[in-house]
Amino acid sequence: MRAIALVSAFFGRTFALWVIAFAVLGFVLPDVFRTLVPYIVPLLGMIMFGMGLTISLKDFREVVRRPKDVAIGVGAQFLIMPLVAVALTSIIPMSPEVAAGVILVGCCPGGTASNVMTYLCRGDVALSVACTSVTTLVAPIVTPFLVWLFASQYLPVDAVSMFISIVKMILLPLGLGFAMQKLAPTLVRAALPALPLVSVTGIVLIIAAVVAVNQEKIATTGLLIFAVVALHNGIGLALGYWLARMSGMPVAKRKAISIEVGMQNSGLGAALASAHFSPLAAVPSAIFSVWHNIAGAIVANFYSKLDDGRTLRSEMAPARSN
């Protein structure tokens, strides 16, 4: 079991590299990974079941202990990313499928990778976990509504069907994982070290499948989608930090909110796009999954050099010079 834990930890630390590697493999070997398309939803369920095994009631105590901070994080998640997506799809010419896919990934809840990046940059991890948990739980209602509101101009949106899909993909696996903690705590504790490996395997196979089925279209439109995704992610990170700063939060909380806003549950986006729109609509989510891990690592490295003292001094310097 120790060997499994070590391998799992290694895959967790090198997650971004595996995401890139399997995206490339999906593009180079489309016939191999195209067969995984029918398993995208079960793979996402497997990931969310693993999250359910780790989630605890103390994650939600933060909501009660500091509701304002969590409300700002959740509100920022579901306002900034959808609105930025709408702005980008309005300004940059793209096909209806790609536009709907960009909006869809913008309307998804926060991804669990944000918790890791927040930890690496010495941000407020408890706040990050609380925001991810809350956005995930309210996603069945909020995500379909936002997609219907903003993406209906591009493709028909069945919000009720999308709600049912998210319940099946997220809430049921989460609930089963949480129930397993109570029913078989010894078994769950033994399985916990292997969860990073399970999560990494699930997400990289989803990405490879989406890339494989869209290989030809990515070859012609991939650079445009990548540019839109990079802008979406970067603007989200910046606006998340700015909003937290304007709300009077200290630096540790700003880091958490920024990364929480910028990093989406792109696996959910890919699964929903594949099920409700078209394979091409899932490409923005797949590319987002690759890019946000790269950008998240870069931003986490930058944020790790910030602390309250240094940031406050740098912000007060212009005032003292006047």
Protein backbone atom coordinates (compact mmCIF):
# COMPACT_ATOMS: atom_id res chain seq x y z
CA MET A 1 0.00 0.00 0.00
CA ARG A 2 2.90 2.33 0.68
CA ALA A 3 4.12 1.82 -2.89
CA ILE A 4 0.66 2.75 -4.23
CA ALA A 5 0.63 5.87 -2.04
CA LEU A 6 4.04 6.94 -3.35
CA VAL A 7 3.03 6.39 -6.98
CA SER A 8 -0.26 8.19 -6.39
CA ALA A 9 1.49 11.15 -4.76
CA PHE A 10 3.92 11.34 -7.69
CA PHE A 11 1.07 11.46 -10.21
CA GLY A 12 -0.68 14.10 -8.12
CA ARG A 13 2.43 16.32 -8.05
CA THR A 14 3.01 15.93 -11.80
CA PHE A 15 -0.67 16.26 -12.76
CA ALA A 16 -0.14 19.09 -15.25
CA LEU A 17 2.49 17.10 -17.14
CA TRP A 18 0.18 14.11 -17.50
CA VAL A 19 -2.65 16.34 -18.70
CA ILE A 20 -0.40 17.75 -21.44
CA ALA A 21 0.95 14.31 -22.34
CA PHE A 22 -2.48 12.73 -22.78
CA ALA A 23 -3.81 15.73 -24.71
CA VAL A 24 -0.95 15.20 -27.15
CA LEU A 25 -1.56 11.44 -27.25
CA GLY A 26 -5.24 12.01 -27.97
CA PHE A 27 -4.28 14.22 -30.89
CA VAL A 28 -1.58 11.88 -32.25
CA LEU A 29 -3.48 8.62 -31.66
CA PRO A 30 -7.15 9.57 -32.12
CA ASP A 31 -8.30 6.06 -33.04
CA VAL A 32 -7.00 4.71 -29.73
CA PHE A 33 -8.65 7.28 -27.46
CA ARG A 34 -11.83 7.88 -29.45
CA THR A 35 -13.15 4.60 -28.02
CA LEU A 36 -13.23 6.26 -24.57
CA VAL A 37 -15.91 8.81 -25.50
CA PRO A 38 -18.82 6.69 -24.15
CA TYR A 39 -17.00 6.50 -20.80
CA ILE A 40 -16.58 10.25 -20.24
CA VAL A 41 -19.55 10.48 -17.87
CA PRO A 42 -18.58 7.37 -15.82
CA LEU A 43 -15.01 8.69 -15.58
CA LEU A 44 -16.27 12.01 -14.21
CA GLY A 45 -18.47 10.10 -11.76
CA MET A 46 -15.40 8.19 -10.59
CA ILE A 47 -13.58 11.48 -9.96
CA MET A 48 -16.51 12.94 -8.03
CA PHE A 49 -16.89 9.73 -6.01
CA GLY A 50 -13.25 10.18 -4.96
CA MET A 51 -14.02 13.75 -3.94
CA GLY A 52 -16.94 12.45 -1.89
CA LEU A 53 -14.56 10.15 -0.02
CA THR A 54 -12.51 13.16 1.10
CA ILE A 55 -15.17 15.80 1.75
CA SER A 56 -16.11 16.35 5.39
CA LEU A 57 -18.49 18.39 7.48
CA LYS A 58 -15.64 20.62 8.63
CA ASP A 59 -15.33 21.85 5.05
CA PHE A 60 -18.78 23.37 5.44
CA ARG A 61 -18.12 24.81 8.90
CA GLU A 62 -16.19 27.53 7.10
CA VAL A 63 -19.46 28.58 5.48
CA VAL A 64 -21.00 29.15 8.90
CA ARG A 65 -17.83 30.57 10.45
CA ARG A 66 -17.24 33.18 7.74
CA PRO A 67 -20.22 33.33 5.39
CA LYS A 68 -19.16 36.66 3.85
CA ASP A 69 -15.85 35.30 2.56
CA VAL A 70 -17.46 32.17 1.11
CA ALA A 71 -20.30 34.20 -0.43
CA ILE A 72 -17.76 36.46 -2.15
CA GLY A 73 -15.89 33.44 -3.50
CA VAL A 74 -19.02 31.63 -4.71
CA GLY A 75 -20.49 34.83 -6.17
CA ALA A 76 -17.24 35.63 -7.96
CA GLN A 77 -17.09 32.10 -9.38
CA PHE A 78 -20.54 32.27 -10.92
CA LEU A 79 -20.38 35.92 -12.03
CA ILE A 80 -16.88 36.59 -13.31
CA MET A 81 -16.23 33.48 -15.41
CA PRO A 82 -19.65 33.36 -17.16
CA LEU A 83 -19.58 37.10 -17.93
CA VAL A 84 -16.00 36.97 -19.19
CA ALA A 85 -17.00 34.04 -21.41
CA VAL A 86 -19.94 36.00 -22.82
CA ALA A 87 -17.69 38.99 -23.50
CA LEU A 88 -15.06 36.87 -25.28
CA THR A 89 -17.63 35.06 -27.45
CA SER A 90 -19.13 38.42 -28.39
CA ILE A 91 -15.81 39.99 -29.36
CA ILE A 92 -13.93 37.07 -30.97
CA PRO A 93 -15.54 35.35 -33.99
CA MET A 94 -16.04 31.63 -33.39
CA SER A 95 -18.47 28.88 -34.33
CA PRO A 96 -21.69 28.47 -32.30
CA GLU A 97 -20.42 25.14 -30.90
CA VAL A 98 -17.16 26.64 -29.65
CA ALA A 99 -18.95 29.70 -28.24
CA ALA A 100 -21.40 27.50 -26.33
CA GLY A 101 -18.49 25.41 -25.05
CA VAL A 102 -16.61 28.49 -23.81
CA ILE A 103 -19.70 29.72 -21.98
CA LEU A 104 -20.38 26.26 -20.56
CA VAL A 105 -16.94 25.89 -19.00
CA GLY A 106 -17.31 29.43 -17.63
CA CYS A 107 -20.54 28.42 -15.89
CA CYS A 108 -19.05 25.33 -14.22
CA PRO A 109 -18.18 25.20 -10.50
CA GLY A 110 -14.64 25.48 -9.19
CA GLY A 111 -12.30 22.56 -9.69
CA THR A 112 -10.52 20.69 -6.91
CA ALA A 113 -7.15 21.53 -8.48
CA SER A 114 -7.70 25.05 -7.15
CA ASN A 115 -7.34 23.70 -3.59
CA VAL A 116 -3.92 22.25 -4.45
CA MET A 117 -2.72 25.46 -6.10
CA THR A 118 -3.96 27.52 -3.15
CA TYR A 119 -1.98 25.28 -0.80
CA LEU A 120 1.15 25.64 -2.93
CA CYS A 121 0.99 29.45 -2.86
CA ARG A 122 0.27 29.61 0.90
CA GLY A 123 -3.25 30.87 0.36
CA ASP A 124 -6.32 30.28 2.51
CA VAL A 125 -6.88 26.58 1.79
CA ALA A 126 -9.91 26.26 4.07
CA LEU A 127 -11.64 29.07 2.18
CA SER A 128 -10.74 27.49 -1.17
CA VAL A 129 -12.12 24.09 -0.14
CA ALA A 130 -15.31 25.68 1.22
CA CYS A 131 -15.88 27.61 -2.01
CA THR A 132 -15.23 24.55 -4.17
CA SER A 133 -17.61 22.47 -2.08
CA VAL A 134 -20.41 25.05 -2.16
CA THR A 135 -20.12 25.79 -5.89
CA THR A 136 -20.12 22.05 -6.59
CA LEU A 137 -23.27 21.47 -4.53
CA VAL A 138 -25.21 24.36 -6.08
CA ALA A 139 -23.99 23.59 -9.62
CA PRO A 140 -27.05 21.45 -10.55
CA ILE A 141 -29.20 24.58 -10.25
CA VAL A 142 -26.83 27.43 -11.10
CA THR A 143 -24.88 25.94 -14.02
CA PRO A 144 -27.89 24.94 -16.19
CA PHE A 145 -29.56 28.29 -15.51
CA LEU A 146 -26.46 30.28 -16.50
CA VAL A 147 -25.86 28.15 -19.60
CA TRP A 148 -29.50 28.60 -20.62
CA LEU A 149 -29.27 32.35 -19.99
CA PHE A 150 -26.05 32.97 -21.90
CA ALA A 151 -25.60 30.14 -24.43
CA SER A 152 -29.12 29.79 -25.83
CA GLN A 153 -28.24 32.32 -28.53
CA TYR A 154 -25.74 29.81 -29.94
CA LEU A 155 -27.28 26.37 -29.40
CA PRO A 156 -30.55 25.03 -27.94
CA VAL A 157 -30.18 24.49 -24.18
CA ASP A 158 -32.34 22.03 -22.23
CA ALA A 159 -31.72 23.28 -18.69
CA VAL A 160 -33.85 20.56 -17.07
CA SER A 161 -31.96 17.78 -18.84
CA MET A 162 -28.66 19.43 -17.91
CA PHE A 163 -29.80 19.63 -14.26
CA ILE A 164 -30.52 15.88 -14.27
CA SER A 165 -27.12 15.19 -15.83
CA ILE A 166 -25.26 17.21 -13.20
CA VAL A 167 -27.15 15.45 -10.41
CA LYS A 168 -26.09 12.10 -11.89
CA MET A 169 -22.51 13.18 -12.60
CA ILE A 170 -21.81 15.11 -9.40
CA LEU A 171 -24.32 14.87 -6.56
CA LEU A 172 -24.92 11.12 -6.65
CA PRO A 173 -21.21 10.13 -6.78
CA LEU A 174 -20.43 12.75 -4.12
CA GLY A 175 -23.22 11.43 -1.91
CA LEU A 176 -22.10 7.84 -2.37
CA GLY A 177 -18.52 8.77 -1.51
CA PHE A 178 -19.63 10.65 1.59
CA ALA A 179 -21.86 7.74 2.65
CA MET A 180 -18.92 5.34 2.27
CA GLN A 181 -17.01 7.40 4.83
CA LYS A 182 -19.70 6.55 7.37
CA LEU A 183 -20.38 2.96 6.31
CA ALA A 184 -16.82 1.75 5.79
CA PRO A 185 -14.41 4.25 7.38
CA THR A 186 -11.52 1.76 7.63
CA LEU A 187 -11.78 0.88 3.94
CA VAL A 188 -11.99 4.56 2.96
CA ARG A 189 -8.91 5.47 5.03
CA ALA A 190 -7.01 2.66 3.32
CA ALA A 191 -8.09 3.90 -0.12
CA LEU A 192 -7.33 7.60 0.41
CA PRO A 193 -3.64 7.44 -0.61
CA ALA A 194 -4.65 6.10 -4.04
CA LEU A 195 -7.21 8.84 -4.78
CA PRO A 196 -4.80 11.26 -6.53
CA LEU A 197 -3.94 8.50 -8.99
CA VAL A 198 -7.62 7.78 -9.60
CA SER A 199 -8.42 11.47 -10.17
CA VAL A 200 -5.46 12.02 -12.49
CA THR A 201 -6.35 8.91 -14.49
CA GLY A 202 -9.98 10.00 -14.87
CA ILE A 203 -9.29 13.55 -16.01
CA VAL A 204 -6.48 12.70 -18.44
CA LEU A 205 -8.60 10.02 -20.12
CA ILE A 206 -11.51 12.47 -20.47
CA ILE A 207 -9.18 15.03 -22.06
CA ALA A 208 -7.62 12.47 -24.40
CA ALA A 209 -11.07 11.29 -25.52
CA VAL A 210 -12.33 14.82 -26.24
CA VAL A 211 -9.15 15.72 -28.14
CA ALA A 212 -9.25 12.47 -30.13
CA VAL A 213 -12.83 12.86 -31.31
CA ASN A 214 -12.10 16.46 -32.40
CA GLN A 215 -8.63 15.94 -33.80
CA GLU A 216 -9.35 17.35 -37.27
CA LYS A 217 -11.21 20.41 -35.97
CA ILE A 218 -8.52 21.11 -33.38
CA ALA A 219 -5.94 21.06 -36.16
CA THR A 220 -7.76 23.95 -37.87
CA THR A 221 -9.24 25.92 -34.95
CA GLY A 222 -7.10 24.84 -32.00
CA LEU A 223 -5.00 28.02 -31.82
CA LEU A 224 -8.09 30.22 -31.70
CA ILE A 225 -9.70 28.12 -28.96
CA PHE A 226 -6.44 28.06 -27.01
CA ALA A 227 -6.18 31.87 -27.20
CA VAL A 228 -9.78 32.28 -25.98
CA VAL A 229 -9.24 29.78 -23.15
CA ALA A 230 -5.98 31.45 -22.05
CA LEU A 231 -7.68 34.87 -22.02
CA HIS A 232 -10.68 33.47 -20.14
CA ASN A 233 -8.48 31.89 -17.49
CA GLY A 234 -6.12 34.86 -17.14
CA ILE A 235 -8.89 37.44 -16.85
CA GLY A 236 -10.66 35.24 -14.30
CA LEU A 237 -7.53 34.97 -12.15
CA ALA A 238 -6.93 38.73 -12.30
CA LEU A 239 -10.53 39.77 -11.62
CA GLY A 240 -10.83 37.25 -8.79
CA TYR A 241 -7.81 38.79 -7.07
CA TRP A 242 -9.06 42.33 -7.74
CA LEU A 243 -12.54 41.62 -6.35
CA ALA A 244 -11.09 40.03 -3.20
CA ARG A 245 -8.80 43.03 -2.74
CA MET A 246 -11.69 45.48 -3.23
CA SER A 247 -13.61 43.49 -0.61
CA GLY A 248 -10.86 44.19 1.92
CA MET A 249 -9.56 40.62 2.13
CA PRO A 250 -5.98 39.93 3.25
CA VAL A 251 -3.53 38.45 0.76
CA ALA A 252 -4.04 34.79 1.73
CA LYS A 253 -7.76 35.09 0.96
CA ARG A 254 -7.11 37.02 -2.25
CA LYS A 255 -4.93 34.18 -3.48
CA ALA A 256 -7.65 31.64 -2.69
CA ILE A 257 -10.42 33.62 -4.41
CA SER A 258 -8.28 34.38 -7.46
CA ILE A 259 -7.32 30.75 -8.04
CA GLU A 260 -10.82 29.52 -7.19
CA VAL A 261 -12.31 31.80 -9.84
CA GLY A 262 -9.71 31.01 -12.49
CA MET A 263 -9.77 27.20 -12.20
CA GLN A 264 -12.96 25.48 -13.34
CA ASN A 265 -14.27 21.93 -13.10
CA SER A 266 -13.42 21.48 -16.77
CA GLY A 267 -14.07 17.74 -16.60
CA LEU A 268 -17.72 18.53 -15.90
CA GLY A 269 -17.70 21.02 -18.77
CA ALA A 270 -16.37 18.41 -21.19
CA ALA A 271 -18.90 15.80 -20.04
CA LEU A 272 -21.86 18.20 -20.28
CA ALA A 273 -20.80 19.53 -23.67
CA SER A 274 -20.40 16.01 -25.05
CA ALA A 275 -23.80 14.96 -23.70
CA HIS A 276 -25.86 18.07 -24.50
CA PHE A 277 -24.15 19.96 -27.34
CA SER A 278 -21.54 18.43 -29.64
CA PRO A 279 -18.03 16.98 -29.44
CA LEU A 280 -16.61 20.30 -30.70
CA ALA A 281 -18.31 22.16 -27.83
CA ALA A 282 -16.28 20.01 -25.42
CA VAL A 283 -12.95 21.21 -26.83
CA PRO A 284 -12.80 24.48 -24.82
CA SER A 285 -13.22 22.46 -21.61
CA ALA A 286 -10.49 20.02 -22.65
CA ILE A 287 -8.06 22.81 -23.52
CA PHE A 288 -9.06 24.68 -20.36
CA SER A 289 -8.14 21.61 -18.33
CA VAL A 290 -4.68 21.59 -19.90
CA TRP A 291 -4.08 25.31 -19.69
CA HIS A 292 -5.48 26.13 -16.24
CA ASN A 293 -3.12 23.64 -14.62
CA ILE A 294 -0.15 25.26 -16.34
CA ALA A 295 -1.32 28.79 -15.58
CA GLY A 296 -2.36 27.78 -12.06
CA ALA A 297 1.13 26.47 -11.31
CA ILE A 298 2.72 29.67 -12.67
CA VAL A 299 0.37 31.91 -10.70
CA ALA A 300 0.81 29.81 -7.55
CA ASN A 301 4.58 30.25 -7.84
CA PHE A 302 4.13 34.02 -8.21
CA TYR A 303 1.60 34.25 -5.38
CA SER A 304 3.89 32.26 -3.07
CA LYS A 305 6.22 35.27 -3.04
CA LEU A 306 3.47 37.58 -1.79
CA ASP A 307 2.53 38.12 1.84
CA ASP A 308 0.50 40.73 3.68
CA GLY A 309 3.49 42.74 4.78
CA ARG A 310 5.17 43.02 1.41
CA THR A 311 1.92 43.64 -0.42
CA LEU A 312 0.80 46.32 2.02
CA ARG A 313 4.15 48.08 1.79
CA SER A 314 4.05 48.05 -2.00
CA GLU A 315 0.50 49.41 -1.98
CA MET A 316 1.34 52.15 0.54
CA ALA A 317 4.50 53.27 -1.26
CA PRO A 318 2.75 55.47 -3.84
CA ALA A 319 0.71 57.14 -1.08
CA ARG A 320 3.83 58.04 0.91
CA SER A 321 5.46 59.57 -2.14
CA ASN A 322 2.58 62.00 -2.71
